[in-house]
Amino acid sequence: IFCAMSLHHIENLEQILYEIKNALKDEGL
């Protein structure tokens, strides 16, 4: 999962980081 100059535009950081971690495969980056 890539965030290229986009994550600093996200207000709901806690939720999106939860979603990102949840969406990655076990060895995902």
Full PDB file with SEQRES, HELIX, SHEET, SSBOND, CRYST1, ORIGX, SCALE, CONECT and MASTER records, all heavy atoms in Angstrom:
SEQRES   1 A   29  ILE PHE CYS ALA MET SER LEU HIS HIS ILE GLU ASN LEU          
SEQRES   2 A   29  GLU GLN ILE LEU TYR GLU ILE LYS ASN ALA LEU LYS ASP          
SEQRES   3 A   29  GLU GLY LEU                                                  
HELIX    1 AA1 LEU A    7  HIS A    9  5                                   3    
HELIX    2 AA2 LEU A   13  ALA A   23  1                                  11    
CRYST1    1.000    1.000    1.000  90.00  90.00  90.00 P 1           1          
ORIGX1      1.000000  0.000000  0.000000        0.00000                         
ORIGX2      0.000000  1.000000  0.000000        0.00000                         
ORIGX3      0.000000  0.000000  1.000000        0.00000                         
SCALE1      1.000000  0.000000  0.000000        0.00000                         
SCALE2      0.000000  1.000000  0.000000        0.00000                         
SCALE3      0.000000  0.000000  1.000000        0.00000                         
ATOM      1  N   ILE A   1       0.865  -1.188   0.000  1.00  0.00           N  
ATOM      2  CA  ILE A   1       0.000   0.000   0.000  1.00  0.00           C  
ATOM      3  C   ILE A   1       0.900   1.236   0.000  1.00  0.00           C  
ATOM      4  O   ILE A   1       1.797   1.364   0.835  1.00  0.00           O  
ATOM      5  CB  ILE A   1      -0.941   0.020   1.210  1.00  0.00           C  
ATOM      6  CG1 ILE A   1      -1.896  -1.185   1.153  1.00  0.00           C  
ATOM      7  CG2 ILE A   1      -1.734   1.330   1.265  1.00  0.00           C  
ATOM      8  CD1 ILE A   1      -2.823  -1.303   2.349  1.00  0.00           C  
ATOM      9  N   PHE A   2       0.644   2.123  -0.970  1.00  0.00           N  
ATOM     10  CA  PHE A   2       1.426   3.357  -1.112  1.00  0.00           C  
ATOM     11  C   PHE A   2       0.599   4.576  -0.696  1.00  0.00           C  
ATOM     12  O   PHE A   2      -0.582   4.687  -1.036  1.00  0.00           O  
ATOM     13  CB  PHE A   2       1.848   3.566  -2.569  1.00  0.00           C  
ATOM     14  CG  PHE A   2       2.836   2.562  -3.086  1.00  0.00           C  
ATOM     15  CD1 PHE A   2       2.417   1.512  -3.889  1.00  0.00           C  
ATOM     16  CD2 PHE A   2       4.188   2.680  -2.789  1.00  0.00           C  
ATOM     17  CE1 PHE A   2       3.323   0.591  -4.383  1.00  0.00           C  
ATOM     18  CE2 PHE A   2       5.103   1.761  -3.280  1.00  0.00           C  
ATOM     19  CZ  PHE A   2       4.681   0.714  -4.077  1.00  0.00           C  
ATOM     20  N   CYS A   3       1.242   5.476   0.027  1.00  0.00           N  
ATOM     21  CA  CYS A   3       0.725   6.828   0.237  1.00  0.00           C  
ATOM     22  C   CYS A   3       1.832   7.781  -0.189  1.00  0.00           C  
ATOM     23  O   CYS A   3       2.850   7.908   0.507  1.00  0.00           O  
ATOM     24  CB  CYS A   3       0.350   7.070   1.691  1.00  0.00           C  
ATOM     25  SG  CYS A   3      -1.146   6.222   2.230  1.00  0.00           S  
ATOM     26  N   ALA A   4       1.673   8.420  -1.328  1.00  0.00           N  
ATOM     27  CA  ALA A   4       2.698   9.321  -1.859  1.00  0.00           C  
ATOM     28  C   ALA A   4       2.176  10.753  -1.783  1.00  0.00           C  
ATOM     29  O   ALA A   4       1.363  11.168  -2.599  1.00  0.00           O  
ATOM     30  CB  ALA A   4       3.050   8.938  -3.296  1.00  0.00           C  
ATOM     31  N   MET A   5       2.621  11.480  -0.777  1.00  0.00           N  
ATOM     32  CA  MET A   5       2.185  12.855  -0.534  1.00  0.00           C  
ATOM     33  C   MET A   5       0.661  12.959  -0.412  1.00  0.00           C  
ATOM     34  O   MET A   5       0.046  13.894  -0.907  1.00  0.00           O  
ATOM     35  CB  MET A   5       2.701  13.790  -1.640  1.00  0.00           C  
ATOM     36  CG  MET A   5       4.195  13.976  -1.607  1.00  0.00           C  
ATOM     37  SD  MET A   5       4.714  14.735  -0.044  1.00  0.00           S  
ATOM     38  CE  MET A   5       6.486  14.384  -0.083  1.00  0.00           C  
ATOM     39  N   SER A   6       0.088  11.980   0.251  1.00  0.00           N  
ATOM     40  CA  SER A   6      -1.364  11.975   0.436  1.00  0.00           C  
ATOM     41  C   SER A   6      -1.767  11.803   1.896  1.00  0.00           C  
ATOM     42  O   SER A   6      -2.797  12.333   2.328  1.00  0.00           O  
ATOM     43  CB  SER A   6      -1.996  10.852  -0.392  1.00  0.00           C  
ATOM     44  OG  SER A   6      -1.475   9.588  -0.018  1.00  0.00           O  
ATOM     45  N   LEU A   7      -0.957  11.096   2.677  1.00  0.00           N  
ATOM     46  CA  LEU A   7      -1.346  10.804   4.059  1.00  0.00           C  
ATOM     47  C   LEU A   7      -1.435  12.076   4.894  1.00  0.00           C  
ATOM     48  O   LEU A   7      -2.237  12.152   5.836  1.00  0.00           O  
ATOM     49  CB  LEU A   7      -0.335   9.827   4.671  1.00  0.00           C  
ATOM     50  CG  LEU A   7      -0.784   9.046   5.908  1.00  0.00           C  
ATOM     51  CD1 LEU A   7      -2.006   8.204   5.606  1.00  0.00           C  
ATOM     52  CD2 LEU A   7       0.352   8.173   6.426  1.00  0.00           C  
ATOM     53  N   HIS A   8      -0.637  13.096   4.556  1.00  0.00           N  
ATOM     54  CA  HIS A   8      -0.690  14.335   5.333  1.00  0.00           C  
ATOM     55  C   HIS A   8      -1.953  15.151   5.023  1.00  0.00           C  
ATOM     56  O   HIS A   8      -2.165  16.203   5.628  1.00  0.00           O  
ATOM     57  CB  HIS A   8       0.574  15.178   5.147  1.00  0.00           C  
ATOM     58  CG  HIS A   8       0.729  15.803   3.803  1.00  0.00           C  
ATOM     59  ND1 HIS A   8       1.250  15.141   2.725  1.00  0.00           N  
ATOM     60  CD2 HIS A   8       0.438  17.057   3.359  1.00  0.00           C  
ATOM     61  CE1 HIS A   8       1.291  15.949   1.681  1.00  0.00           C  
ATOM     62  NE2 HIS A   8       0.793  17.128   2.032  1.00  0.00           N  
ATOM     63  N   HIS A   9      -2.779  14.651   4.108  1.00  0.00           N  
ATOM     64  CA  HIS A   9      -4.078  15.272   3.843  1.00  0.00           C  
ATOM     65  C   HIS A   9      -5.223  14.554   4.575  1.00  0.00           C  
ATOM     66  O   HIS A   9      -6.381  14.938   4.409  1.00  0.00           O  
ATOM     67  CB  HIS A   9      -4.370  15.263   2.336  1.00  0.00           C  
ATOM     68  CG  HIS A   9      -3.500  16.186   1.556  1.00  0.00           C  
ATOM     69  ND1 HIS A   9      -3.767  17.533   1.413  1.00  0.00           N  
ATOM     70  CD2 HIS A   9      -2.349  15.970   0.879  1.00  0.00           C  
ATOM     71  CE1 HIS A   9      -2.820  18.096   0.683  1.00  0.00           C  
ATOM     72  NE2 HIS A   9      -1.942  17.169   0.349  1.00  0.00           N  
ATOM     73  N   ILE A  10      -4.897  13.540   5.346  1.00  0.00           N  
ATOM     74  CA  ILE A  10      -5.918  12.730   6.017  1.00  0.00           C  
ATOM     75  C   ILE A  10      -6.083  13.171   7.467  1.00  0.00           C  
ATOM     76  O   ILE A  10      -5.130  13.150   8.256  1.00  0.00           O  
ATOM     77  CB  ILE A  10      -5.546  11.232   5.965  1.00  0.00           C  
ATOM     78  CG1 ILE A  10      -5.348  10.779   4.513  1.00  0.00           C  
ATOM     79  CG2 ILE A  10      -6.619  10.398   6.657  1.00  0.00           C  
ATOM     80  CD1 ILE A  10      -6.541  10.980   3.627  1.00  0.00           C  
ATOM     81  N   GLU A  11      -7.283  13.568   7.822  1.00  0.00           N  
ATOM     82  CA  GLU A  11      -7.566  13.968   9.204  1.00  0.00           C  
ATOM     83  C   GLU A  11      -7.799  12.763  10.099  1.00  0.00           C  
ATOM     84  O   GLU A  11      -7.358  12.709  11.243  1.00  0.00           O  
ATOM     85  CB  GLU A  11      -8.782  14.898   9.245  1.00  0.00           C  
ATOM     86  CG  GLU A  11      -9.084  15.434  10.627  1.00  0.00           C  
ATOM     87  CD  GLU A  11     -10.130  16.522  10.611  1.00  0.00           C  
ATOM     88  OE1 GLU A  11     -10.781  16.716   9.571  1.00  0.00           O  
ATOM     89  OE2 GLU A  11     -10.288  17.195  11.652  1.00  0.00           O  
ATOM     90  N   ASN A  12      -8.481  11.751   9.567  1.00  0.00           N  
ATOM     91  CA  ASN A  12      -8.843  10.564  10.346  1.00  0.00           C  
ATOM     92  C   ASN A  12      -7.703   9.538  10.295  1.00  0.00           C  
ATOM     93  O   ASN A  12      -7.876   8.409   9.840  1.00  0.00           O  
ATOM     94  CB  ASN A  12     -10.134   9.964   9.777  1.00  0.00           C  
ATOM     95  CG  ASN A  12     -10.785   8.986  10.728  1.00  0.00           C  
ATOM     96  OD1 ASN A  12     -10.344   8.807  11.854  1.00  0.00           O  
ATOM     97  ND2 ASN A  12     -11.833   8.337  10.260  1.00  0.00           N  
ATOM     98  N   LEU A  13      -6.528   9.939  10.782  1.00  0.00           N  
ATOM     99  CA  LEU A  13      -5.331   9.115  10.654  1.00  0.00           C  
ATOM    100  C   LEU A  13      -5.450   7.779  11.383  1.00  0.00           C  
ATOM    101  O   LEU A  13      -5.042   6.741  10.853  1.00  0.00           O  
ATOM    102  CB  LEU A  13      -4.121   9.876  11.192  1.00  0.00           C  
ATOM    103  CG  LEU A  13      -3.443  10.862  10.243  1.00  0.00           C  
ATOM    104  CD1 LEU A  13      -2.352  11.629  10.985  1.00  0.00           C  
ATOM    105  CD2 LEU A  13      -2.862  10.141   9.033  1.00  0.00           C  
ATOM    106  N   GLU A  14      -5.969   7.805  12.598  1.00  0.00           N  
ATOM    107  CA  GLU A  14      -6.071   6.557  13.360  1.00  0.00           C  
ATOM    108  C   GLU A  14      -6.878   5.507  12.601  1.00  0.00           C  
ATOM    109  O   GLU A  14      -6.486   4.337  12.501  1.00  0.00           O  
ATOM    110  CB  GLU A  14      -6.702   6.808  14.737  1.00  0.00           C  
ATOM    111  CG  GLU A  14      -5.828   7.564  15.706  1.00  0.00           C  
ATOM    112  CD  GLU A  14      -5.887   9.075  15.530  1.00  0.00           C  
ATOM    113  OE1 GLU A  14      -6.590   9.540  14.613  1.00  0.00           O  
ATOM    114  OE2 GLU A  14      -5.247   9.789  16.318  1.00  0.00           O  
ATOM    115  N   GLN A  15      -8.003   5.928  12.025  1.00  0.00           N  
ATOM    116  CA  GLN A  15      -8.862   4.985  11.316  1.00  0.00           C  
ATOM    117  C   GLN A  15      -8.211   4.478  10.030  1.00  0.00           C  
ATOM    118  O   GLN A  15      -8.250   3.282   9.735  1.00  0.00           O  
ATOM    119  CB  GLN A  15     -10.207   5.644  10.990  1.00  0.00           C  
ATOM    120  CG  GLN A  15     -11.179   4.768  10.214  1.00  0.00           C  
ATOM    121  CD  GLN A  15     -11.578   3.498  10.951  1.00  0.00           C  
ATOM    122  OE1 GLN A  15     -11.536   3.462  12.183  1.00  0.00           O  
ATOM    123  NE2 GLN A  15     -11.948   2.453  10.212  1.00  0.00           N  
ATOM    124  N   ILE A  16      -7.608   5.369   9.258  1.00  0.00           N  
ATOM    125  CA  ILE A  16      -7.020   4.927   7.989  1.00  0.00           C  
ATOM    126  C   ILE A  16      -5.813   4.036   8.229  1.00  0.00           C  
ATOM    127  O   ILE A  16      -5.586   3.064   7.487  1.00  0.00           O  
ATOM    128  CB  ILE A  16      -6.667   6.122   7.074  1.00  0.00           C  
ATOM    129  CG1 ILE A  16      -6.293   5.618   5.671  1.00  0.00           C  
ATOM    130  CG2 ILE A  16      -5.536   6.950   7.643  1.00  0.00           C  
ATOM    131  CD1 ILE A  16      -7.319   4.772   4.992  1.00  0.00           C  
ATOM    132  N   LEU A  17      -5.028   4.309   9.284  1.00  0.00           N  
ATOM    133  CA  LEU A  17      -3.906   3.423   9.585  1.00  0.00           C  
ATOM    134  C   LEU A  17      -4.398   2.049  10.035  1.00  0.00           C  
ATOM    135  O   LEU A  17      -3.774   1.019   9.727  1.00  0.00           O  
ATOM    136  CB  LEU A  17      -3.005   4.050  10.647  1.00  0.00           C  
ATOM    137  CG  LEU A  17      -2.222   5.281  10.189  1.00  0.00           C  
ATOM    138  CD1 LEU A  17      -1.442   5.889  11.356  1.00  0.00           C  
ATOM    139  CD2 LEU A  17      -1.273   4.944   9.047  1.00  0.00           C  
ATOM    140  N   TYR A  18      -5.514   2.028  10.731  1.00  0.00           N  
ATOM    141  CA  TYR A  18      -6.133   0.736  11.088  1.00  0.00           C  
ATOM    142  C   TYR A  18      -6.543  -0.015   9.826  1.00  0.00           C  
ATOM    143  O   TYR A  18      -6.283  -1.222   9.682  1.00  0.00           O  
ATOM    144  CB  TYR A  18      -7.355   0.967  11.978  1.00  0.00           C  
ATOM    145  CG  TYR A  18      -8.202  -0.277  12.154  1.00  0.00           C  
ATOM    146  CD1 TYR A  18      -7.863  -1.258  13.090  1.00  0.00           C  
ATOM    147  CD2 TYR A  18      -9.333  -0.489  11.352  1.00  0.00           C  
ATOM    148  CE1 TYR A  18      -8.628  -2.410  13.229  1.00  0.00           C  
ATOM    149  CE2 TYR A  18     -10.102  -1.636  11.485  1.00  0.00           C  
ATOM    150  CZ  TYR A  18      -9.737  -2.590  12.417  1.00  0.00           C  
ATOM    151  OH  TYR A  18     -10.499  -3.741  12.543  1.00  0.00           O  
ATOM    152  N   GLU A  19      -7.180   0.685   8.905  1.00  0.00           N  
ATOM    153  CA  GLU A  19      -7.629   0.051   7.668  1.00  0.00           C  
ATOM    154  C   GLU A  19      -6.446  -0.456   6.843  1.00  0.00           C  
ATOM    155  O   GLU A  19      -6.492  -1.547   6.255  1.00  0.00           O  
ATOM    156  CB  GLU A  19      -8.451   1.041   6.833  1.00  0.00           C  
ATOM    157  CG  GLU A  19      -9.811   1.378   7.411  1.00  0.00           C  
ATOM    158  CD  GLU A  19     -10.762   0.184   7.431  1.00  0.00           C  
ATOM    159  OE1 GLU A  19     -10.627  -0.702   6.566  1.00  0.00           O  
ATOM    160  OE2 GLU A  19     -11.636   0.142   8.310  1.00  0.00           O  
ATOM    161  N   ILE A  20      -5.378   0.334   6.786  1.00  0.00           N  
ATOM    162  CA  ILE A  20      -4.191  -0.060   6.025  1.00  0.00           C  
ATOM    163  C   ILE A  20      -3.570  -1.324   6.617  1.00  0.00           C  
ATOM    164  O   ILE A  20      -3.262  -2.279   5.894  1.00  0.00           O  
ATOM    165  CB  ILE A  20      -3.165   1.092   5.991  1.00  0.00           C  
ATOM    166  CG1 ILE A  20      -3.678   2.215   5.072  1.00  0.00           C  
ATOM    167  CG2 ILE A  20      -1.792   0.602   5.535  1.00  0.00           C  
ATOM    168  CD1 ILE A  20      -2.884   3.496   5.165  1.00  0.00           C  
ATOM    169  N   LYS A  21      -3.382  -1.330   7.924  1.00  0.00           N  
ATOM    170  CA  LYS A  21      -2.794  -2.514   8.566  1.00  0.00           C  
ATOM    171  C   LYS A  21      -3.677  -3.737   8.359  1.00  0.00           C  
ATOM    172  O   LYS A  21      -3.181  -4.841   8.093  1.00  0.00           O  
ATOM    173  CB  LYS A  21      -2.594  -2.244  10.061  1.00  0.00           C  
ATOM    174  CG  LYS A  21      -1.827  -3.351  10.775  1.00  0.00           C  
ATOM    175  CD  LYS A  21      -1.485  -2.961  12.194  1.00  0.00           C  
ATOM    176  CE  LYS A  21      -0.651  -4.048  12.862  1.00  0.00           C  
ATOM    177  NZ  LYS A  21      -0.277  -3.675  14.255  1.00  0.00           N  
ATOM    178  N   ASN A  22      -4.966  -3.549   8.459  1.00  0.00           N  
ATOM    179  CA  ASN A  22      -5.920  -4.648   8.286  1.00  0.00           C  
ATOM    180  C   ASN A  22      -5.917  -5.171   6.857  1.00  0.00           C  
ATOM    181  O   ASN A  22      -6.131  -6.365   6.614  1.00  0.00           O  
ATOM    182  CB  ASN A  22      -7.328  -4.158   8.654  1.00  0.00           C  
ATOM    183  CG  ASN A  22      -8.333  -5.276   8.743  1.00  0.00           C  
ATOM    184  OD1 ASN A  22      -8.140  -6.249   9.467  1.00  0.00           O  
ATOM    185  ND2 ASN A  22      -9.426  -5.153   8.010  1.00  0.00           N  
ATOM    186  N   ALA A  23      -5.677  -4.289   5.888  1.00  0.00           N  
ATOM    187  CA  ALA A  23      -5.777  -4.656   4.473  1.00  0.00           C  
ATOM    188  C   ALA A  23      -4.502  -5.287   3.915  1.00  0.00           C  
ATOM    189  O   ALA A  23      -4.528  -5.897   2.840  1.00  0.00           O  
ATOM    190  CB  ALA A  23      -6.129  -3.421   3.639  1.00  0.00           C  
ATOM    191  N   LEU A  24      -3.388  -5.164   4.638  1.00  0.00           N  
ATOM    192  CA  LEU A  24      -2.143  -5.742   4.165  1.00  0.00           C  
ATOM    193  C   LEU A  24      -2.088  -7.247   4.427  1.00  0.00           C  
ATOM    194  O   LEU A  24      -2.529  -7.722   5.473  1.00  0.00           O  
ATOM    195  CB  LEU A  24      -0.948  -5.081   4.855  1.00  0.00           C  
ATOM    196  CG  LEU A  24      -0.570  -3.678   4.382  1.00  0.00           C  
ATOM    197  CD1 LEU A  24       0.464  -3.061   5.334  1.00  0.00           C  
ATOM    198  CD2 LEU A  24      -0.014  -3.709   2.956  1.00  0.00           C  
ATOM    199  N   LYS A  25      -1.536  -7.972   3.467  1.00  0.00           N  
ATOM    200  CA  LYS A  25      -1.254  -9.390   3.689  1.00  0.00           C  
ATOM    201  C   LYS A  25      -0.174  -9.517   4.767  1.00  0.00           C  
ATOM    202  O   LYS A  25       0.490  -8.544   5.117  1.00  0.00           O  
ATOM    203  CB  LYS A  25      -0.806 -10.039   2.384  1.00  0.00           C  
ATOM    204  CG  LYS A  25      -1.881 -10.051   1.303  1.00  0.00           C  
ATOM    205  CD  LYS A  25      -1.369 -10.660   0.007  1.00  0.00           C  
ATOM    206  CE  LYS A  25      -2.429 -10.612  -1.085  1.00  0.00           C  
ATOM    207  NZ  LYS A  25      -1.946 -11.159  -2.375  1.00  0.00           N  
ATOM    208  N   ASP A  26       0.042 -10.702   5.284  1.00  0.00           N  
ATOM    209  CA  ASP A  26       0.957 -10.892   6.417  1.00  0.00           C  
ATOM    210  C   ASP A  26       2.360 -10.357   6.148  1.00  0.00           C  
ATOM    211  O   ASP A  26       3.006  -9.821   7.046  1.00  0.00           O  
ATOM    212  CB  ASP A  26       1.028 -12.382   6.781  1.00  0.00           C  
ATOM    213  CG  ASP A  26      -0.263 -12.881   7.409  1.00  0.00           C  
ATOM    214  OD1 ASP A  26      -1.022 -12.042   7.928  1.00  0.00           O  
ATOM    215  OD2 ASP A  26      -0.515 -14.101   7.387  1.00  0.00           O  
ATOM    216  N   GLU A  27       2.850 -10.481   4.944  1.00  0.00           N  
ATOM    217  CA  GLU A  27       4.182  -9.980   4.601  1.00  0.00           C  
ATOM    218  C   GLU A  27       4.095  -8.693   3.761  1.00  0.00           C  
ATOM    219  O   GLU A  27       5.060  -8.321   3.084  1.00  0.00           O  
ATOM    220  CB  GLU A  27       4.964 -11.043   3.829  1.00  0.00           C  
ATOM    221  CG  GLU A  27       5.182 -12.336   4.596  1.00  0.00           C  
ATOM    222  CD  GLU A  27       5.949 -12.124   5.893  1.00  0.00           C  
ATOM    223  OE1 GLU A  27       6.915 -11.336   5.860  1.00  0.00           O  
ATOM    224  OE2 GLU A  27       5.576 -12.720   6.911  1.00  0.00           O  
ATOM    225  N   GLY A  28       2.953  -8.036   3.829  1.00  0.00           N  
ATOM    226  CA  GLY A  28       2.738  -6.843   3.020  1.00  0.00           C  
ATOM    227  C   GLY A  28       3.553  -5.646   3.491  1.00  0.00           C  
ATOM    228  O   GLY A  28       3.982  -5.583   4.643  1.00  0.00           O  
ATOM    229  N   LEU A  29       3.727  -4.682   2.597  1.00  0.00           N  
ATOM    230  CA  LEU A  29       4.505  -3.481   2.881  1.00  0.00           C  
ATOM    231  C   LEU A  29       3.629  -2.237   2.828  1.00  0.00           C  
ATOM    232  O   LEU A  29       2.779  -2.105   1.946  1.00  0.00           O  
ATOM    233  CB  LEU A  29       5.630  -3.324   1.855  1.00  0.00           C  
ATOM    234  CG  LEU A  29       6.711  -4.405   1.827  1.00  0.00           C  
ATOM    235  CD1 LEU A  29       7.643  -4.165   0.640  1.00  0.00           C  
ATOM    236  CD2 LEU A  29       7.504  -4.428   3.121  1.00  0.00           C  
TER     237      LEU A  29                                                      
MASTER        0    0    0    2    0    0    0    6  236    1    0    3          
END                                                                             
